[in-house]
N, C-alpha and C. Protein backbone atom coordinates (compact mmCIF):
# COMPACT_ATOMS: atom_id res chain seq x y z
N MET A 1 19.54 25.88 -29.37
CA MET A 1 19.18 25.62 -28.00
C MET A 1 18.02 26.53 -27.61
N GLU A 2 17.07 25.98 -26.89
CA GLU A 2 15.90 26.73 -26.45
C GLU A 2 16.23 27.59 -25.23
N PHE A 3 15.71 28.81 -25.21
CA PHE A 3 15.93 29.72 -24.09
C PHE A 3 14.90 29.43 -23.00
N ALA A 4 15.36 29.35 -21.76
CA ALA A 4 14.47 29.12 -20.61
C ALA A 4 14.14 30.47 -19.98
N ASP A 5 13.06 31.06 -20.43
CA ASP A 5 12.68 32.40 -20.02
C ASP A 5 12.52 32.56 -18.51
N ASN A 6 12.05 31.52 -17.84
CA ASN A 6 11.70 31.65 -16.42
C ASN A 6 12.68 30.96 -15.48
N GLY A 7 13.92 30.78 -15.92
CA GLY A 7 14.97 30.31 -15.04
C GLY A 7 14.87 28.85 -14.63
N GLN A 8 15.39 28.57 -13.46
CA GLN A 8 15.45 27.21 -12.92
C GLN A 8 14.26 26.96 -12.00
N MET A 9 13.92 25.69 -11.83
CA MET A 9 12.83 25.37 -10.93
C MET A 9 13.15 25.81 -9.50
N SER A 10 14.41 25.80 -9.13
CA SER A 10 14.81 26.23 -7.79
C SER A 10 14.43 27.69 -7.53
N ASP A 11 14.32 28.49 -8.59
CA ASP A 11 13.91 29.89 -8.44
C ASP A 11 12.49 30.02 -7.91
N LEU A 12 11.66 29.00 -8.12
CA LEU A 12 10.27 29.04 -7.66
C LEU A 12 10.17 28.96 -6.13
N LEU A 13 11.27 28.62 -5.47
CA LEU A 13 11.26 28.45 -4.01
C LEU A 13 11.64 29.72 -3.25
N LYS A 14 11.79 30.82 -3.95
CA LYS A 14 12.20 32.07 -3.30
C LYS A 14 11.25 32.51 -2.20
N HIS A 15 9.98 32.16 -2.33
CA HIS A 15 8.97 32.59 -1.36
C HIS A 15 8.41 31.42 -0.57
N GLY A 16 9.13 30.33 -0.50
CA GLY A 16 8.68 29.16 0.24
C GLY A 16 8.37 27.99 -0.68
N ALA A 17 7.83 26.94 -0.09
CA ALA A 17 7.51 25.73 -0.84
C ALA A 17 6.48 26.03 -1.94
N ILE A 18 6.52 25.23 -2.97
CA ILE A 18 5.58 25.37 -4.08
C ILE A 18 4.28 24.69 -3.68
N PRO A 19 3.14 25.32 -3.89
CA PRO A 19 1.87 24.68 -3.55
C PRO A 19 1.73 23.31 -4.22
N GLU A 20 1.12 22.39 -3.50
CA GLU A 20 1.05 21.01 -3.98
C GLU A 20 0.39 20.89 -5.35
N SER A 21 -0.68 21.62 -5.60
CA SER A 21 -1.35 21.51 -6.90
C SER A 21 -0.42 21.94 -8.03
N ARG A 22 0.38 22.98 -7.80
CA ARG A 22 1.35 23.42 -8.82
C ARG A 22 2.47 22.39 -8.97
N CYS A 23 2.90 21.82 -7.84
CA CYS A 23 3.93 20.76 -7.90
C CYS A 23 3.45 19.58 -8.74
N ARG A 24 2.19 19.23 -8.59
CA ARG A 24 1.65 18.10 -9.36
C ARG A 24 1.78 18.38 -10.85
N GLU A 25 1.41 19.59 -11.27
CA GLU A 25 1.52 19.96 -12.69
C GLU A 25 2.97 19.90 -13.16
N LEU A 26 3.86 20.49 -12.36
CA LEU A 26 5.28 20.51 -12.72
C LEU A 26 5.86 19.11 -12.79
N PHE A 27 5.59 18.30 -11.76
CA PHE A 27 6.20 16.97 -11.70
C PHE A 27 5.60 16.01 -12.71
N LEU A 28 4.40 16.26 -13.16
CA LEU A 28 3.87 15.45 -14.25
C LEU A 28 4.74 15.65 -15.49
N GLY A 29 5.08 16.89 -15.79
CA GLY A 29 5.97 17.17 -16.93
C GLY A 29 7.37 16.63 -16.73
N ILE A 30 7.90 16.79 -15.52
CA ILE A 30 9.24 16.28 -15.21
C ILE A 30 9.28 14.77 -15.35
N CYS A 31 8.27 14.11 -14.81
CA CYS A 31 8.24 12.64 -14.88
C CYS A 31 8.06 12.14 -16.31
N LYS A 32 7.29 12.86 -17.10
CA LYS A 32 7.14 12.46 -18.51
C LYS A 32 8.46 12.62 -19.25
N GLY A 33 9.21 13.67 -18.93
CA GLY A 33 10.53 13.84 -19.53
C GLY A 33 11.47 12.72 -19.12
N LEU A 34 11.45 12.38 -17.83
CA LEU A 34 12.30 11.29 -17.35
C LEU A 34 11.85 9.95 -17.93
N GLN A 35 10.54 9.77 -18.09
CA GLN A 35 10.02 8.55 -18.71
C GLN A 35 10.54 8.42 -20.14
N TYR A 36 10.56 9.51 -20.88
CA TYR A 36 11.08 9.51 -22.25
C TYR A 36 12.54 9.06 -22.26
N LEU A 37 13.33 9.63 -21.35
CA LEU A 37 14.74 9.23 -21.27
C LEU A 37 14.86 7.75 -20.95
N HIS A 38 14.17 7.30 -19.91
CA HIS A 38 14.30 5.90 -19.48
C HIS A 38 13.80 4.93 -20.56
N LYS A 39 12.73 5.30 -21.28
CA LYS A 39 12.26 4.43 -22.37
C LYS A 39 13.30 4.31 -23.47
N ASN A 40 14.10 5.36 -23.61
CA ASN A 40 15.16 5.35 -24.61
C ASN A 40 16.49 4.89 -24.01
N LYS A 41 16.40 4.27 -22.84
CA LYS A 41 17.55 3.67 -22.14
C LYS A 41 18.63 4.69 -21.79
N ILE A 42 18.19 5.88 -21.37
CA ILE A 42 19.11 6.93 -20.95
C ILE A 42 18.81 7.28 -19.50
N ALA A 43 19.84 7.29 -18.68
CA ALA A 43 19.73 7.74 -17.29
C ALA A 43 20.34 9.13 -17.22
N HIS A 44 19.69 10.05 -16.54
CA HIS A 44 20.15 11.44 -16.45
C HIS A 44 21.36 11.57 -15.53
N ARG A 45 21.29 11.03 -14.34
CA ARG A 45 22.33 10.96 -13.31
C ARG A 45 22.72 12.30 -12.68
N ASP A 46 21.99 13.36 -12.94
CA ASP A 46 22.22 14.60 -12.20
C ASP A 46 20.92 15.40 -12.14
N LEU A 47 19.84 14.69 -11.85
CA LEU A 47 18.54 15.33 -11.74
C LEU A 47 18.51 16.15 -10.46
N LYS A 48 18.25 17.44 -10.60
CA LYS A 48 18.16 18.36 -9.47
C LYS A 48 17.37 19.57 -9.93
N LEU A 49 16.88 20.36 -8.98
CA LEU A 49 16.04 21.50 -9.34
C LEU A 49 16.76 22.50 -10.24
N GLU A 50 18.07 22.61 -10.09
CA GLU A 50 18.84 23.52 -10.93
C GLU A 50 18.97 23.02 -12.37
N ASN A 51 18.70 21.75 -12.59
CA ASN A 51 18.75 21.18 -13.94
C ASN A 51 17.36 20.98 -14.53
N ILE A 52 16.39 21.64 -13.93
CA ILE A 52 15.03 21.68 -14.47
C ILE A 52 14.75 23.15 -14.76
N LEU A 53 14.72 23.48 -16.04
CA LEU A 53 14.51 24.87 -16.45
C LEU A 53 13.04 25.09 -16.77
N MET A 54 12.62 26.35 -16.65
CA MET A 54 11.23 26.71 -16.89
C MET A 54 11.14 27.55 -18.17
N ASP A 55 10.32 27.10 -19.13
CA ASP A 55 10.18 27.85 -20.37
C ASP A 55 9.24 29.04 -20.18
N LYS A 56 8.94 29.75 -21.26
CA LYS A 56 8.13 30.97 -21.14
C LYS A 56 6.70 30.70 -20.67
N GLU A 57 6.21 29.46 -20.84
CA GLU A 57 4.88 29.09 -20.33
C GLU A 57 4.98 28.41 -18.97
N ASN A 58 6.16 28.45 -18.37
CA ASN A 58 6.43 27.81 -17.07
C ASN A 58 6.28 26.29 -17.11
N ASN A 59 6.63 25.71 -18.25
CA ASN A 59 6.71 24.25 -18.36
C ASN A 59 8.12 23.83 -18.00
N PRO A 60 8.27 22.73 -17.26
CA PRO A 60 9.61 22.28 -16.90
C PRO A 60 10.31 21.58 -18.06
N LYS A 61 11.61 21.79 -18.16
CA LYS A 61 12.45 21.16 -19.20
C LYS A 61 13.69 20.60 -18.53
N LEU A 62 13.93 19.30 -18.70
CA LEU A 62 15.15 18.70 -18.15
C LEU A 62 16.33 19.18 -18.97
N THR A 63 17.43 19.44 -18.28
CA THR A 63 18.62 19.96 -18.96
C THR A 63 19.87 19.39 -18.31
N ASP A 64 21.02 19.76 -18.86
CA ASP A 64 22.35 19.36 -18.40
C ASP A 64 22.52 17.84 -18.40
N PHE A 65 22.84 17.33 -19.54
CA PHE A 65 23.03 15.89 -19.72
C PHE A 65 24.50 15.48 -19.65
N THR A 66 25.28 16.26 -18.92
CA THR A 66 26.72 16.00 -18.80
C THR A 66 27.00 14.59 -18.30
N TYR A 67 26.23 14.13 -17.31
CA TYR A 67 26.46 12.81 -16.71
C TYR A 67 25.54 11.73 -17.26
N ALA A 68 24.71 12.06 -18.24
CA ALA A 68 23.79 11.08 -18.80
C ALA A 68 24.55 9.89 -19.36
N ILE A 69 23.91 8.74 -19.26
CA ILE A 69 24.55 7.50 -19.72
C ILE A 69 23.51 6.64 -20.42
N THR A 70 23.95 5.95 -21.46
CA THR A 70 23.08 5.00 -22.15
C THR A 70 23.14 3.67 -21.42
N CYS A 71 21.98 3.17 -21.06
CA CYS A 71 21.87 1.88 -20.36
C CYS A 71 21.51 0.85 -21.43
N ASN A 72 22.51 0.34 -22.11
CA ASN A 72 22.31 -0.44 -23.32
C ASN A 72 21.87 -1.88 -23.14
N LYS A 73 21.57 -2.30 -21.92
CA LYS A 73 21.07 -3.65 -21.71
C LYS A 73 20.19 -3.66 -20.47
N ASP A 74 19.35 -4.68 -20.35
CA ASP A 74 18.52 -4.82 -19.15
C ASP A 74 19.41 -5.03 -17.94
N ASN A 75 18.96 -4.55 -16.80
CA ASN A 75 19.71 -4.66 -15.54
C ASN A 75 21.09 -4.02 -15.64
N PHE A 76 21.19 -2.94 -16.39
CA PHE A 76 22.45 -2.22 -16.56
C PHE A 76 22.90 -1.65 -15.22
N MET A 77 24.16 -1.81 -14.92
CA MET A 77 24.75 -1.30 -13.68
C MET A 77 26.01 -0.51 -14.04
N THR A 78 26.35 0.46 -13.19
CA THR A 78 27.55 1.24 -13.39
C THR A 78 28.21 1.52 -12.04
N LYS A 79 29.46 1.92 -12.07
CA LYS A 79 30.22 2.20 -10.85
C LYS A 79 30.57 3.69 -10.71
N THR A 80 30.34 4.47 -11.76
CA THR A 80 30.77 5.87 -11.80
C THR A 80 30.06 6.71 -10.75
N PHE A 81 30.84 7.41 -9.95
CA PHE A 81 30.29 8.34 -8.98
C PHE A 81 30.06 9.66 -9.69
N CYS A 82 28.82 10.12 -9.72
CA CYS A 82 28.51 11.42 -10.33
C CYS A 82 27.20 11.93 -9.78
N GLY A 83 26.91 13.18 -10.09
CA GLY A 83 25.70 13.80 -9.59
C GLY A 83 26.06 14.91 -8.60
N THR A 84 25.06 15.38 -7.88
CA THR A 84 25.22 16.45 -6.91
C THR A 84 24.90 15.89 -5.54
N LEU A 85 25.82 16.04 -4.60
CA LEU A 85 25.74 15.36 -3.31
C LEU A 85 24.37 15.33 -2.64
N PRO A 86 23.68 16.44 -2.43
CA PRO A 86 22.40 16.33 -1.71
C PRO A 86 21.32 15.53 -2.43
N TYR A 87 21.54 15.25 -3.72
CA TYR A 87 20.54 14.54 -4.51
C TYR A 87 20.89 13.07 -4.76
N ILE A 88 22.07 12.64 -4.37
CA ILE A 88 22.47 11.28 -4.74
C ILE A 88 21.99 10.25 -3.73
N PRO A 89 21.67 9.06 -4.22
CA PRO A 89 21.14 8.00 -3.36
C PRO A 89 22.24 7.31 -2.56
N PRO A 90 21.84 6.56 -1.53
CA PRO A 90 22.83 5.92 -0.67
C PRO A 90 23.75 4.95 -1.39
N GLU A 91 23.27 4.30 -2.44
CA GLU A 91 24.11 3.32 -3.12
C GLU A 91 25.31 3.95 -3.82
N LEU A 92 25.28 5.26 -4.05
CA LEU A 92 26.44 5.92 -4.65
C LEU A 92 27.47 6.32 -3.62
N ILE A 93 27.04 6.47 -2.37
CA ILE A 93 27.96 6.90 -1.32
C ILE A 93 28.53 5.66 -0.63
N THR A 94 29.21 4.89 -1.39
CA THR A 94 29.82 3.66 -0.86
C THR A 94 31.28 3.62 -1.30
N ASP A 95 31.97 2.67 -0.76
CA ASP A 95 33.36 2.44 -1.17
C ASP A 95 33.39 2.16 -2.66
N GLU A 96 34.29 2.82 -3.37
CA GLU A 96 34.36 2.68 -4.83
C GLU A 96 34.49 1.22 -5.27
N SER A 97 35.21 0.41 -4.52
CA SER A 97 35.41 -0.98 -4.93
C SER A 97 34.12 -1.80 -4.86
N SER A 98 33.16 -1.37 -4.02
CA SER A 98 31.91 -2.12 -3.92
C SER A 98 30.73 -1.40 -4.60
N ARG A 99 30.96 -0.22 -5.15
CA ARG A 99 29.88 0.53 -5.78
C ARG A 99 29.48 -0.13 -7.09
N ASN A 100 28.22 -0.39 -7.23
CA ASN A 100 27.65 -0.93 -8.44
C ASN A 100 26.16 -0.63 -8.36
N TYR A 101 25.66 0.26 -9.19
CA TYR A 101 24.29 0.71 -9.01
C TYR A 101 23.54 0.84 -10.33
N ASP A 102 22.22 0.84 -10.22
CA ASP A 102 21.31 1.03 -11.34
C ASP A 102 21.09 2.53 -11.50
N PRO A 103 21.59 3.14 -12.60
CA PRO A 103 21.47 4.59 -12.74
C PRO A 103 20.03 5.09 -12.89
N MET A 104 19.15 4.25 -13.39
CA MET A 104 17.74 4.68 -13.51
C MET A 104 17.08 4.71 -12.13
N ALA A 105 17.42 3.76 -11.28
CA ALA A 105 16.91 3.78 -9.90
C ALA A 105 17.48 4.99 -9.15
N ALA A 106 18.71 5.36 -9.47
CA ALA A 106 19.31 6.56 -8.87
C ALA A 106 18.54 7.82 -9.31
N ASP A 107 18.10 7.86 -10.57
CA ASP A 107 17.29 8.98 -11.04
C ASP A 107 15.99 9.10 -10.23
N ILE A 108 15.40 7.96 -9.89
CA ILE A 108 14.15 7.96 -9.13
C ILE A 108 14.38 8.57 -7.75
N TRP A 109 15.49 8.19 -7.10
CA TRP A 109 15.82 8.78 -5.79
C TRP A 109 15.94 10.30 -5.93
N SER A 110 16.69 10.75 -6.94
CA SER A 110 16.89 12.18 -7.15
C SER A 110 15.56 12.90 -7.41
N LEU A 111 14.67 12.24 -8.13
CA LEU A 111 13.32 12.78 -8.35
C LEU A 111 12.61 12.97 -7.01
N GLY A 112 12.77 12.00 -6.11
CA GLY A 112 12.18 12.11 -4.77
C GLY A 112 12.74 13.28 -3.98
N VAL A 113 14.05 13.50 -4.08
CA VAL A 113 14.67 14.63 -3.40
C VAL A 113 14.10 15.93 -3.98
N CYS A 114 13.96 16.00 -5.30
CA CYS A 114 13.39 17.19 -5.94
C CYS A 114 11.97 17.45 -5.45
N LEU A 115 11.15 16.41 -5.39
CA LEU A 115 9.76 16.58 -4.95
C LEU A 115 9.70 16.99 -3.48
N TYR A 116 10.56 16.39 -2.67
CA TYR A 116 10.61 16.78 -1.26
C TYR A 116 10.97 18.26 -1.13
N ILE A 117 12.02 18.69 -1.81
CA ILE A 117 12.46 20.09 -1.73
C ILE A 117 11.35 21.02 -2.20
N ALA A 118 10.72 20.69 -3.32
CA ALA A 118 9.68 21.55 -3.88
C ALA A 118 8.52 21.74 -2.90
N THR A 119 8.19 20.73 -2.13
CA THR A 119 7.04 20.80 -1.23
C THR A 119 7.40 21.15 0.21
N ASN A 120 8.69 21.21 0.53
CA ASN A 120 9.14 21.50 1.90
C ASN A 120 10.14 22.65 1.99
N ASN A 121 10.62 23.11 0.84
CA ASN A 121 11.61 24.18 0.77
C ASN A 121 12.84 23.87 1.65
N ALA A 122 13.25 22.62 1.62
CA ALA A 122 14.44 22.16 2.36
C ALA A 122 14.84 20.81 1.78
N PHE A 123 16.07 20.41 2.07
CA PHE A 123 16.55 19.08 1.66
C PHE A 123 16.12 18.04 2.69
N PRO A 124 15.83 16.82 2.26
CA PRO A 124 15.48 15.79 3.23
C PRO A 124 16.68 15.32 4.05
N PHE A 125 17.88 15.41 3.47
CA PHE A 125 19.12 14.97 4.14
C PHE A 125 20.18 16.04 3.94
N ARG A 126 21.02 16.20 4.93
CA ARG A 126 22.17 17.10 4.82
C ARG A 126 23.37 16.24 4.44
N ILE A 127 23.87 16.46 3.25
CA ILE A 127 25.01 15.68 2.79
C ILE A 127 26.10 16.62 2.32
N ASN A 128 27.30 16.42 2.86
CA ASN A 128 28.47 17.13 2.36
C ASN A 128 29.66 16.18 2.48
N SER A 129 30.79 16.59 1.97
CA SER A 129 31.95 15.70 1.92
C SER A 129 32.47 15.32 3.30
N ARG A 130 32.09 16.05 4.34
CA ARG A 130 32.57 15.74 5.70
C ARG A 130 31.66 14.76 6.45
N ASN A 131 30.42 14.56 6.01
CA ASN A 131 29.51 13.72 6.76
C ASN A 131 28.91 12.58 5.93
N MET A 132 29.65 12.07 5.00
CA MET A 132 29.12 11.06 4.07
C MET A 132 28.58 9.82 4.79
N ASN A 133 29.32 9.27 5.73
CA ASN A 133 28.86 8.07 6.43
C ASN A 133 27.59 8.34 7.23
N GLU A 134 27.57 9.47 7.89
CA GLU A 134 26.39 9.88 8.67
C GLU A 134 25.18 10.06 7.75
N ALA A 135 25.41 10.64 6.59
CA ALA A 135 24.33 10.87 5.63
C ALA A 135 23.76 9.55 5.13
N VAL A 136 24.62 8.60 4.80
CA VAL A 136 24.15 7.29 4.34
C VAL A 136 23.34 6.60 5.43
N GLU A 137 23.79 6.69 6.67
CA GLU A 137 23.03 6.09 7.78
C GLU A 137 21.64 6.71 7.87
N ALA A 138 21.55 8.02 7.73
CA ALA A 138 20.25 8.69 7.77
C ALA A 138 19.37 8.26 6.59
N GLN A 139 19.97 8.16 5.40
CA GLN A 139 19.21 7.73 4.23
C GLN A 139 18.70 6.30 4.41
N MET A 140 19.58 5.41 4.84
CA MET A 140 19.21 4.00 4.99
C MET A 140 18.16 3.80 6.09
N ALA A 141 18.20 4.61 7.13
CA ALA A 141 17.24 4.51 8.24
C ALA A 141 15.98 5.32 7.97
N LYS A 142 15.90 5.95 6.81
CA LYS A 142 14.76 6.79 6.45
C LYS A 142 14.52 7.88 7.49
N ARG A 143 15.62 8.48 7.95
CA ARG A 143 15.53 9.55 8.94
C ARG A 143 15.31 10.89 8.25
N TRP A 144 14.12 11.09 7.83
CA TRP A 144 13.69 12.34 7.25
C TRP A 144 12.22 12.52 7.60
N SER A 145 11.77 13.72 7.58
CA SER A 145 10.35 13.98 7.84
C SER A 145 9.95 15.26 7.12
N PHE A 146 8.67 15.40 6.91
CA PHE A 146 8.17 16.62 6.28
C PHE A 146 8.27 17.76 7.29
N ARG A 147 8.65 18.91 6.83
CA ARG A 147 8.80 20.07 7.72
C ARG A 147 7.45 20.42 8.34
N GLU A 148 7.50 20.74 9.61
CA GLU A 148 6.29 20.99 10.39
C GLU A 148 5.37 22.02 9.74
N GLN A 149 5.95 23.11 9.22
CA GLN A 149 5.12 24.17 8.66
C GLN A 149 4.40 23.77 7.37
N TYR A 150 4.85 22.67 6.73
CA TYR A 150 4.22 22.23 5.49
C TYR A 150 3.47 20.90 5.63
N ALA A 151 3.86 20.08 6.58
CA ALA A 151 3.34 18.72 6.70
C ALA A 151 1.81 18.66 6.74
N GLY A 152 1.19 19.55 7.49
CA GLY A 152 -0.27 19.53 7.61
C GLY A 152 -0.99 19.93 6.35
N LYS A 153 -0.28 20.58 5.44
CA LYS A 153 -0.90 21.05 4.18
C LYS A 153 -0.72 20.05 3.05
N LEU A 154 0.11 19.03 3.25
CA LEU A 154 0.41 18.07 2.18
C LEU A 154 -0.52 16.87 2.26
N SER A 155 -0.94 16.41 1.09
CA SER A 155 -1.88 15.28 1.03
C SER A 155 -1.19 13.96 1.38
N PRO A 156 -1.98 13.00 1.87
CA PRO A 156 -1.41 11.67 2.14
C PRO A 156 -0.83 11.01 0.89
N THR A 157 -1.41 11.29 -0.28
CA THR A 157 -0.88 10.66 -1.50
C THR A 157 0.49 11.24 -1.88
N LEU A 158 0.68 12.53 -1.66
CA LEU A 158 2.00 13.13 -1.91
C LEU A 158 3.02 12.53 -0.95
N LYS A 159 2.67 12.44 0.32
CA LYS A 159 3.58 11.89 1.32
C LYS A 159 3.95 10.45 0.98
N ASP A 160 2.97 9.69 0.49
CA ASP A 160 3.22 8.30 0.10
C ASP A 160 4.19 8.23 -1.08
N LEU A 161 3.98 9.10 -2.07
CA LEU A 161 4.87 9.09 -3.24
C LEU A 161 6.29 9.45 -2.85
N VAL A 162 6.48 10.50 -2.05
CA VAL A 162 7.83 10.88 -1.62
C VAL A 162 8.49 9.72 -0.88
N SER A 163 7.73 9.05 -0.02
CA SER A 163 8.27 7.92 0.73
C SER A 163 8.73 6.79 -0.20
N LYS A 164 7.97 6.54 -1.24
CA LYS A 164 8.35 5.49 -2.21
C LYS A 164 9.59 5.89 -3.02
N LEU A 165 9.68 7.17 -3.38
CA LEU A 165 10.83 7.64 -4.16
C LEU A 165 12.11 7.64 -3.33
N LEU A 166 11.99 7.95 -2.03
CA LEU A 166 13.15 7.99 -1.14
C LEU A 166 13.37 6.64 -0.44
N GLU A 167 13.05 5.58 -1.13
CA GLU A 167 13.29 4.23 -0.63
C GLU A 167 14.79 3.94 -0.75
N PRO A 168 15.45 3.60 0.37
CA PRO A 168 16.90 3.38 0.31
C PRO A 168 17.34 2.15 -0.48
N LYS A 169 16.46 1.16 -0.63
CA LYS A 169 16.82 -0.04 -1.41
C LYS A 169 16.41 0.19 -2.86
N PRO A 170 17.39 0.30 -3.76
CA PRO A 170 17.09 0.61 -5.17
C PRO A 170 16.08 -0.33 -5.81
N LYS A 171 16.14 -1.61 -5.49
CA LYS A 171 15.23 -2.58 -6.11
C LYS A 171 13.79 -2.39 -5.66
N ASP A 172 13.59 -1.69 -4.53
CA ASP A 172 12.25 -1.44 -4.02
C ASP A 172 11.68 -0.10 -4.47
N ARG A 173 12.48 0.71 -5.17
CA ARG A 173 11.97 1.97 -5.69
C ARG A 173 11.11 1.70 -6.91
N PRO A 174 10.11 2.53 -7.13
CA PRO A 174 9.29 2.34 -8.34
C PRO A 174 10.06 2.74 -9.60
N THR A 175 9.64 2.22 -10.72
CA THR A 175 10.16 2.68 -12.01
C THR A 175 9.45 3.99 -12.34
N ILE A 176 9.91 4.69 -13.34
CA ILE A 176 9.25 5.93 -13.71
C ILE A 176 7.83 5.67 -14.20
N ASP A 177 7.57 4.54 -14.85
CA ASP A 177 6.21 4.21 -15.27
C ASP A 177 5.31 4.02 -14.05
N GLN A 178 5.83 3.36 -13.02
CA GLN A 178 5.06 3.18 -11.80
C GLN A 178 4.82 4.51 -11.08
N VAL A 179 5.80 5.38 -11.13
CA VAL A 179 5.64 6.71 -10.52
C VAL A 179 4.47 7.43 -11.18
N LEU A 180 4.43 7.41 -12.50
CA LEU A 180 3.36 8.11 -13.22
C LEU A 180 1.99 7.49 -13.00
N GLN A 181 1.95 6.26 -12.53
CA GLN A 181 0.67 5.60 -12.22
C GLN A 181 0.23 5.86 -10.78
N HIS A 182 1.05 6.55 -10.01
CA HIS A 182 0.75 6.79 -8.60
C HIS A 182 -0.52 7.63 -8.45
N GLU A 183 -1.25 7.36 -7.41
CA GLU A 183 -2.51 8.03 -7.12
C GLU A 183 -2.37 9.56 -7.06
N TRP A 184 -1.23 10.06 -6.64
CA TRP A 184 -1.04 11.50 -6.51
C TRP A 184 -1.27 12.23 -7.84
N PHE A 185 -0.86 11.61 -8.95
CA PHE A 185 -1.03 12.24 -10.25
C PHE A 185 -2.46 12.19 -10.74
N LYS A 186 -3.30 11.37 -10.13
CA LYS A 186 -4.70 11.24 -10.55
C LYS A 186 -5.60 12.23 -9.85
N LYS A 187 -5.11 12.84 -8.77
CA LYS A 187 -5.91 13.76 -7.97
C LYS A 187 -5.98 15.12 -8.67
N THR A 188 -7.12 15.76 -8.54
CA THR A 188 -7.26 17.13 -9.04
C THR A 188 -7.71 18.01 -7.89
N ASP A 189 -7.16 19.20 -7.81
CA ASP A 189 -7.54 20.13 -6.73
C ASP A 189 -8.61 21.10 -7.21
């Protein structure tokens, strides 16, 4: 097992949000890792900043595949509730009898939460076991916004990407290939 000299990506937030140019570098690596998984029909299902480790060169490494699942056919769906509450998409916070979701689309939502946190030093939604219905309503209504102290510093392309990743309808979320084609990754500072 490889040692992650520089801890978790969440450690980078000790002094506030990560500058956008640095986020772009980090998320390019994260997205390429997720693209590799998805091309090999694997969904991570617990993507969060604590599961992104930083190596000695400060490159991100996806880790903790406890909930990973093989999506062995096209349009693969699952009912298993897993992941970490603040990172899970609205389709997982449903009645177990009606839950049926695309785990790769769920990874995309979690990627959006990670990008939001990295650039805002806060969660887009407050989710805990006591407010699940309220949280789903907020997710479905897209009741989130960029924090005032960071919003003016963030590019329109970053804001557009976060908005696409935090799309409450799974079928309307981009695939990881589409994410990597987003204009935000083409910009250089």
